[in-house]
Amino acid sequence: MKRFSILIALAAIVTANTCVVASAEGISDEIVKELDYLVGKWESEGNVGDKHQVGGFTCRWARTEEKEKVCLFAEFSYKTGDDINSGVTLIGWNEAKQSIEDRGFNASGGNATLLWTIKSPKLWQGDLTFIKNGETLKGKGDLIKKSDSEFVFEAEYDNGDVSRIVFRKLKQERKKKAKE
């Protein structure tokens, strides 16, 4: 039994070291550049089905102790009709699916998974899954980059709803250094 445990432990160590070597290259510069686009504070306005939506998100890089970029961390808040939806999301590279994965969780227990394929420097296309109040809503979406400070999210859902939301990046104000 001891030999079997030692073999399992040895296999686990070899497997762990193999995984580290396989992922040593990190996220490609192309993907980092794509994700860098989203860093900052964004406001949004548009329609989801027949309801008006306003809100936005603030996005920053989550990093390792060595300052390597891992994924984006964002906080969001949207008001759609009378419904307020706020929470957090992680956006990063899913190597196995070769897509950008956006995993969001809201304060009322809902969640979303958006898997984006980069079609061109100005277009991401995605599969969308939202879970709210125990119900699943799926759809297809486009993220269309209009400029460095504007993108449009368009989607069509399985329930027939269509959404079009415009996101605009807010200009960052620089903090003035206090004189001593």
C-alpha atoms as a PDB file:
ATOM      1  CA  MET A   1       0.000   0.000   0.000  1.00  0.00           C
ATOM      2  CA  LYS A   2       2.907   2.362   0.811  1.00  0.00           C
ATOM      3  CA  ARG A   3       4.446   1.764  -2.632  1.00  0.00           C
ATOM      4  CA  PHE A   4       1.106   2.547  -4.292  1.00  0.00           C
ATOM      5  CA  SER A   5       0.829   5.831  -2.309  1.00  0.00           C
ATOM      6  CA  ILE A   6       4.403   6.758  -3.230  1.00  0.00           C
ATOM      7  CA  LEU A   7       3.703   6.032  -6.908  1.00  0.00           C
ATOM      8  CA  ILE A   8       0.562   8.181  -6.836  1.00  0.00           C
ATOM      9  CA  ALA A   9       2.466  11.013  -5.126  1.00  0.00           C
ATOM     10  CA  LEU A  10       5.287  10.739  -7.657  1.00  0.00           C
ATOM     11  CA  ALA A  11       2.811  10.732 -10.559  1.00  0.00           C
ATOM     12  CA  ALA A  12       1.123  13.832  -9.119  1.00  0.00           C
ATOM     13  CA  ILE A  13       4.466  15.662  -8.848  1.00  0.00           C
ATOM     14  CA  VAL A  14       5.443  14.737 -12.426  1.00  0.00           C
ATOM     15  CA  THR A  15       2.020  15.803 -13.719  1.00  0.00           C
ATOM     16  CA  ALA A  16       2.162  19.106 -11.834  1.00  0.00           C
ATOM     17  CA  ASN A  17       5.645  19.862 -13.155  1.00  0.00           C
ATOM     18  CA  THR A  18       4.582  18.957 -16.692  1.00  0.00           C
ATOM     19  CA  CYS A  19       1.634  21.372 -16.461  1.00  0.00           C
ATOM     20  CA  VAL A  20       3.904  24.165 -15.275  1.00  0.00           C
ATOM     21  CA  VAL A  21       6.293  23.612 -18.184  1.00  0.00           C
ATOM     22  CA  ALA A  22       3.435  23.478 -20.701  1.00  0.00           C
ATOM     23  CA  SER A  23       2.010  26.824 -19.547  1.00  0.00           C
ATOM     24  CA  ALA A  24       5.338  28.580 -18.941  1.00  0.00           C
ATOM     25  CA  GLU A  25       4.870  30.781 -22.013  1.00  0.00           C
ATOM     26  CA  GLY A  26       1.894  32.568 -20.447  1.00  0.00           C
ATOM     27  CA  ILE A  27      -0.811  34.490 -22.245  1.00  0.00           C
ATOM     28  CA  SER A  28       0.188  35.599 -25.745  1.00  0.00           C
ATOM     29  CA  ASP A  29       0.914  39.277 -26.404  1.00  0.00           C
ATOM     30  CA  GLU A  30      -1.992  39.334 -28.892  1.00  0.00           C
ATOM     31  CA  ILE A  31      -4.477  38.247 -26.212  1.00  0.00           C
ATOM     32  CA  VAL A  32      -3.018  40.650 -23.629  1.00  0.00           C
ATOM     33  CA  LYS A  33      -3.464  43.478 -26.163  1.00  0.00           C
ATOM     34  CA  GLU A  34      -7.075  42.438 -26.808  1.00  0.00           C
ATOM     35  CA  LEU A  35      -7.819  42.401 -23.082  1.00  0.00           C
ATOM     36  CA  ASP A  36      -5.931  45.679 -22.449  1.00  0.00           C
ATOM     37  CA  TYR A  37      -8.633  47.349 -24.555  1.00  0.00           C
ATOM     38  CA  LEU A  38     -11.170  46.764 -21.754  1.00  0.00           C
ATOM     39  CA  VAL A  39      -9.077  48.233 -18.912  1.00  0.00           C
ATOM     40  CA  GLY A  40     -10.638  51.379 -17.484  1.00  0.00           C
ATOM     41  CA  LYS A  41     -14.043  52.740 -16.545  1.00  0.00           C
ATOM     42  CA  TRP A  42     -16.899  52.313 -19.015  1.00  0.00           C
ATOM     43  CA  GLU A  43     -20.472  53.649 -19.089  1.00  0.00           C
ATOM     44  CA  SER A  44     -23.196  52.017 -21.135  1.00  0.00           C
ATOM     45  CA  GLU A  45     -26.654  52.696 -22.489  1.00  0.00           C
ATOM     46  CA  GLY A  46     -28.938  50.731 -24.743  1.00  0.00           C
ATOM     47  CA  ASN A  47     -31.798  48.274 -24.882  1.00  0.00           C
ATOM     48  CA  VAL A  48     -32.247  44.660 -23.843  1.00  0.00           C
ATOM     49  CA  GLY A  49     -35.431  43.401 -25.444  1.00  0.00           C
ATOM     50  CA  ASP A  50     -38.024  46.119 -24.824  1.00  0.00           C
ATOM     51  CA  LYS A  51     -36.256  47.450 -21.689  1.00  0.00           C
ATOM     52  CA  HIS A  52     -33.826  50.361 -21.478  1.00  0.00           C
ATOM     53  CA  GLN A  53     -30.481  49.631 -19.807  1.00  0.00           C
ATOM     54  CA  VAL A  54     -27.921  52.016 -18.286  1.00  0.00           C
ATOM     55  CA  GLY A  55     -24.839  51.208 -16.243  1.00  0.00           C
ATOM     56  CA  GLY A  56     -21.224  50.335 -16.680  1.00  0.00           C
ATOM     57  CA  PHE A  57     -18.167  48.547 -15.420  1.00  0.00           C
ATOM     58  CA  THR A  58     -14.658  49.245 -14.190  1.00  0.00           C
ATOM     59  CA  CYS A  59     -11.957  46.833 -15.301  1.00  0.00           C
ATOM     60  CA  ARG A  60      -8.338  46.288 -14.195  1.00  0.00           C
ATOM     61  CA  TRP A  61      -5.677  43.599 -14.489  1.00  0.00           C
ATOM     62  CA  ALA A  62      -5.315  40.960 -11.778  1.00  0.00           C
ATOM     63  CA  ARG A  63      -1.595  40.139 -11.502  1.00  0.00           C
ATOM     64  CA  THR A  64       0.738  37.644  -9.917  1.00  0.00           C
ATOM     65  CA  GLU A  65       3.281  38.645  -7.266  1.00  0.00           C
ATOM     66  CA  GLU A  66       5.758  38.909 -10.151  1.00  0.00           C
ATOM     67  CA  LYS A  67       3.405  41.475 -11.823  1.00  0.00           C
ATOM     68  CA  GLU A  68       2.452  39.104 -14.657  1.00  0.00           C
ATOM     69  CA  LYS A  69      -1.007  39.769 -16.095  1.00  0.00           C
ATOM     70  CA  VAL A  70      -3.385  36.885 -15.322  1.00  0.00           C
ATOM     71  CA  CYS A  71      -6.909  38.057 -16.140  1.00  0.00           C
ATOM     72  CA  LEU A  72      -9.118  41.103 -15.896  1.00  0.00           C
ATOM     73  CA  PHE A  73     -11.168  41.800 -12.786  1.00  0.00           C
ATOM     74  CA  ALA A  74     -14.238  43.974 -13.241  1.00  0.00           C
ATOM     75  CA  GLU A  75     -17.035  45.334 -11.103  1.00  0.00           C
ATOM     76  CA  PHE A  76     -20.302  46.044 -12.881  1.00  0.00           C
ATOM     77  CA  SER A  77     -23.693  47.614 -12.199  1.00  0.00           C
ATOM     78  CA  TYR A  78     -26.593  47.833 -14.668  1.00  0.00           C
ATOM     79  CA  LYS A  79     -30.200  48.930 -14.390  1.00  0.00           C
ATOM     80  CA  THR A  80     -32.482  47.252 -16.927  1.00  0.00           C
ATOM     81  CA  GLY A  81     -36.018  48.570 -16.564  1.00  0.00           C
ATOM     82  CA  ASP A  82     -36.588  48.372 -12.794  1.00  0.00           C
ATOM     83  CA  ASP A  83     -34.096  45.508 -12.300  1.00  0.00           C
ATOM     84  CA  ILE A  84     -30.663  46.350 -10.857  1.00  0.00           C
ATOM     85  CA  ASN A  85     -27.852  43.877 -11.522  1.00  0.00           C
ATOM     86  CA  SER A  86     -24.441  44.367  -9.909  1.00  0.00           C
ATOM     87  CA  GLY A  87     -21.507  42.110  -9.245  1.00  0.00           C
ATOM     88  CA  VAL A  88     -18.048  41.088 -10.418  1.00  0.00           C
ATOM     89  CA  THR A  89     -16.573  39.335 -13.408  1.00  0.00           C
ATOM     90  CA  LEU A  90     -13.269  37.733 -14.397  1.00  0.00           C
ATOM     91  CA  ILE A  91     -12.192  37.956 -18.029  1.00  0.00           C
ATOM     92  CA  GLY A  92      -9.287  35.876 -19.254  1.00  0.00           C
ATOM     93  CA  TRP A  93      -7.878  33.521 -21.847  1.00  0.00           C
ATOM     94  CA  ASN A  94      -9.295  29.993 -21.869  1.00  0.00           C
ATOM     95  CA  GLU A  95      -6.526  28.042 -23.588  1.00  0.00           C
ATOM     96  CA  ALA A  96      -8.532  24.819 -23.846  1.00  0.00           C
ATOM     97  CA  LYS A  97     -11.397  26.554 -25.676  1.00  0.00           C
ATOM     98  CA  GLN A  98      -9.118  29.031 -27.516  1.00  0.00           C
ATOM     99  CA  SER A  99     -11.409  31.879 -26.518  1.00  0.00           C
ATOM    100  CA  ILE A 100     -11.711  34.801 -24.160  1.00  0.00           C
ATOM    101  CA  GLU A 101     -13.902  33.725 -21.268  1.00  0.00           C
ATOM    102  CA  ASP A 102     -15.938  36.185 -19.233  1.00  0.00           C
ATOM    103  CA  ARG A 103     -17.365  34.714 -15.990  1.00  0.00           C
ATOM    104  CA  GLY A 104     -19.673  37.033 -14.075  1.00  0.00           C
ATOM    105  CA  PHE A 105     -21.449  36.671 -10.759  1.00  0.00           C
ATOM    106  CA  ASN A 106     -24.075  39.066  -9.456  1.00  0.00           C
ATOM    107  CA  ALA A 107     -25.184  39.944  -5.945  1.00  0.00           C
ATOM    108  CA  SER A 108     -28.519  38.109  -6.288  1.00  0.00           C
ATOM    109  CA  GLY A 109     -26.900  34.757  -7.113  1.00  0.00           C
ATOM    110  CA  GLY A 110     -27.115  34.913 -10.896  1.00  0.00           C
ATOM    111  CA  ASN A 111     -24.169  34.271 -13.150  1.00  0.00           C
ATOM    112  CA  ALA A 112     -23.084  34.481 -16.758  1.00  0.00           C
ATOM    113  CA  THR A 113     -20.513  32.896 -19.045  1.00  0.00           C
ATOM    114  CA  LEU A 114     -19.527  34.605 -22.271  1.00  0.00           C
ATOM    115  CA  LEU A 115     -17.075  32.833 -24.591  1.00  0.00           C
ATOM    116  CA  TRP A 116     -15.588  35.201 -27.167  1.00  0.00           C
ATOM    117  CA  THR A 117     -13.771  34.275 -30.366  1.00  0.00           C
ATOM    118  CA  ILE A 118     -11.608  37.035 -31.848  1.00  0.00           C
ATOM    119  CA  LYS A 119     -12.693  37.328 -35.482  1.00  0.00           C
ATOM    120  CA  SER A 120     -10.745  40.509 -36.309  1.00  0.00           C
ATOM    121  CA  PRO A 121      -9.136  43.471 -34.508  1.00  0.00           C
ATOM    122  CA  LYS A 122     -12.596  45.097 -34.411  1.00  0.00           C
ATOM    123  CA  LEU A 123     -14.907  42.114 -33.860  1.00  0.00           C
ATOM    124  CA  TRP A 124     -15.387  39.469 -31.182  1.00  0.00           C
ATOM    125  CA  GLN A 125     -18.189  36.934 -31.566  1.00  0.00           C
ATOM    126  CA  GLY A 126     -19.516  35.002 -28.633  1.00  0.00           C
ATOM    127  CA  ASP A 127     -21.740  32.381 -27.099  1.00  0.00           C
ATOM    128  CA  LEU A 128     -23.641  33.784 -24.128  1.00  0.00           C
ATOM    129  CA  THR A 129     -25.212  31.960 -21.176  1.00  0.00           C
ATOM    130  CA  PHE A 130     -27.013  33.834 -18.387  1.00  0.00           C
ATOM    131  CA  ILE A 131     -28.564  32.213 -15.305  1.00  0.00           C
ATOM    132  CA  LYS A 132     -31.021  34.240 -13.248  1.00  0.00           C
ATOM    133  CA  ASN A 133     -33.623  33.016 -10.755  1.00  0.00           C
ATOM    134  CA  GLY A 134     -32.835  29.421 -11.739  1.00  0.00           C
ATOM    135  CA  GLU A 135     -33.574  30.028 -15.429  1.00  0.00           C
ATOM    136  CA  THR A 136     -30.999  29.775 -18.223  1.00  0.00           C
ATOM    137  CA  LEU A 137     -30.953  32.170 -21.166  1.00  0.00           C
ATOM    138  CA  LYS A 138     -28.602  31.542 -24.086  1.00  0.00           C
ATOM    139  CA  GLY A 139     -27.679  33.680 -27.039  1.00  0.00           C
ATOM    140  CA  LYS A 140     -25.142  34.771 -29.613  1.00  0.00           C
ATOM    141  CA  GLY A 141     -23.424  38.129 -29.479  1.00  0.00           C
ATOM    142  CA  ASP A 142     -21.025  40.494 -31.174  1.00  0.00           C
ATOM    143  CA  LEU A 143     -18.669  42.943 -29.520  1.00  0.00           C
ATOM    144  CA  ILE A 144     -17.851  45.567 -32.159  1.00  0.00           C
ATOM    145  CA  LYS A 145     -14.974  47.946 -31.458  1.00  0.00           C
ATOM    146  CA  LYS A 146     -15.807  51.372 -32.904  1.00  0.00           C
ATOM    147  CA  SER A 147     -12.757  53.223 -31.518  1.00  0.00           C
ATOM    148  CA  ASP A 148     -10.302  53.143 -28.608  1.00  0.00           C
ATOM    149  CA  SER A 149     -13.065  54.492 -26.379  1.00  0.00           C
ATOM    150  CA  GLU A 150     -16.273  52.945 -27.737  1.00  0.00           C
ATOM    151  CA  PHE A 151     -17.682  49.524 -28.471  1.00  0.00           C
ATOM    152  CA  VAL A 152     -21.121  48.141 -29.211  1.00  0.00           C
ATOM    153  CA  PHE A 153     -22.531  44.915 -27.793  1.00  0.00           C
ATOM    154  CA  GLU A 154     -25.247  43.324 -29.928  1.00  0.00           C
ATOM    155  CA  ALA A 155     -26.936  40.039 -29.073  1.00  0.00           C
ATOM    156  CA  GLU A 156     -29.848  37.831 -29.976  1.00  0.00           C
ATOM    157  CA  TYR A 157     -31.205  35.442 -27.352  1.00  0.00           C
ATOM    158  CA  ASP A 158     -33.071  32.142 -27.561  1.00  0.00           C
ATOM    159  CA  ASN A 159     -36.198  33.832 -26.148  1.00  0.00           C
ATOM    160  CA  GLY A 160     -36.310  36.197 -29.151  1.00  0.00           C
ATOM    161  CA  ASP A 161     -34.997  39.286 -27.326  1.00  0.00           C
ATOM    162  CA  VAL A 162     -32.410  41.415 -29.067  1.00  0.00           C
ATOM    163  CA  SER A 163     -30.033  43.784 -27.317  1.00  0.00           C
ATOM    164  CA  ARG A 164     -27.884  46.668 -28.482  1.00  0.00           C
ATOM    165  CA  ILE A 165     -25.781  48.472 -25.901  1.00  0.00           C
ATOM    166  CA  VAL A 166     -23.166  51.166 -26.534  1.00  0.00           C
ATOM    167  CA  PHE A 167     -20.198  51.339 -24.137  1.00  0.00           C
ATOM    168  CA  ARG A 168     -18.084  54.487 -23.850  1.00  0.00           C
ATOM    169  CA  LYS A 169     -14.814  54.681 -21.952  1.00  0.00           C
ATOM    170  CA  LEU A 170     -14.531  57.530 -19.489  1.00  0.00           C
ATOM    171  CA  LYS A 171     -11.405  59.636 -19.593  1.00  0.00           C
ATOM    172  CA  GLN A 172      -9.157  58.940 -16.654  1.00  0.00           C
ATOM    173  CA  GLU A 173      -8.323  61.946 -14.554  1.00  0.00           C
ATOM    174  CA  ARG A 174      -4.767  62.021 -13.334  1.00  0.00           C
ATOM    175  CA  LYS A 175      -4.239  62.526  -9.656  1.00  0.00           C
ATOM    176  CA  LYS A 176      -2.288  65.661  -8.829  1.00  0.00           C
ATOM    177  CA  LYS A 177       0.647  65.143  -6.522  1.00  0.00           C
ATOM    178  CA  ALA A 178       0.339  67.124  -3.341  1.00  0.00           C
ATOM    179  CA  LYS A 179       3.147  69.592  -2.744  1.00  0.00           C
ATOM    180  CA  GLU A 180       4.788  69.372   0.648  1.00  0.00           C
END
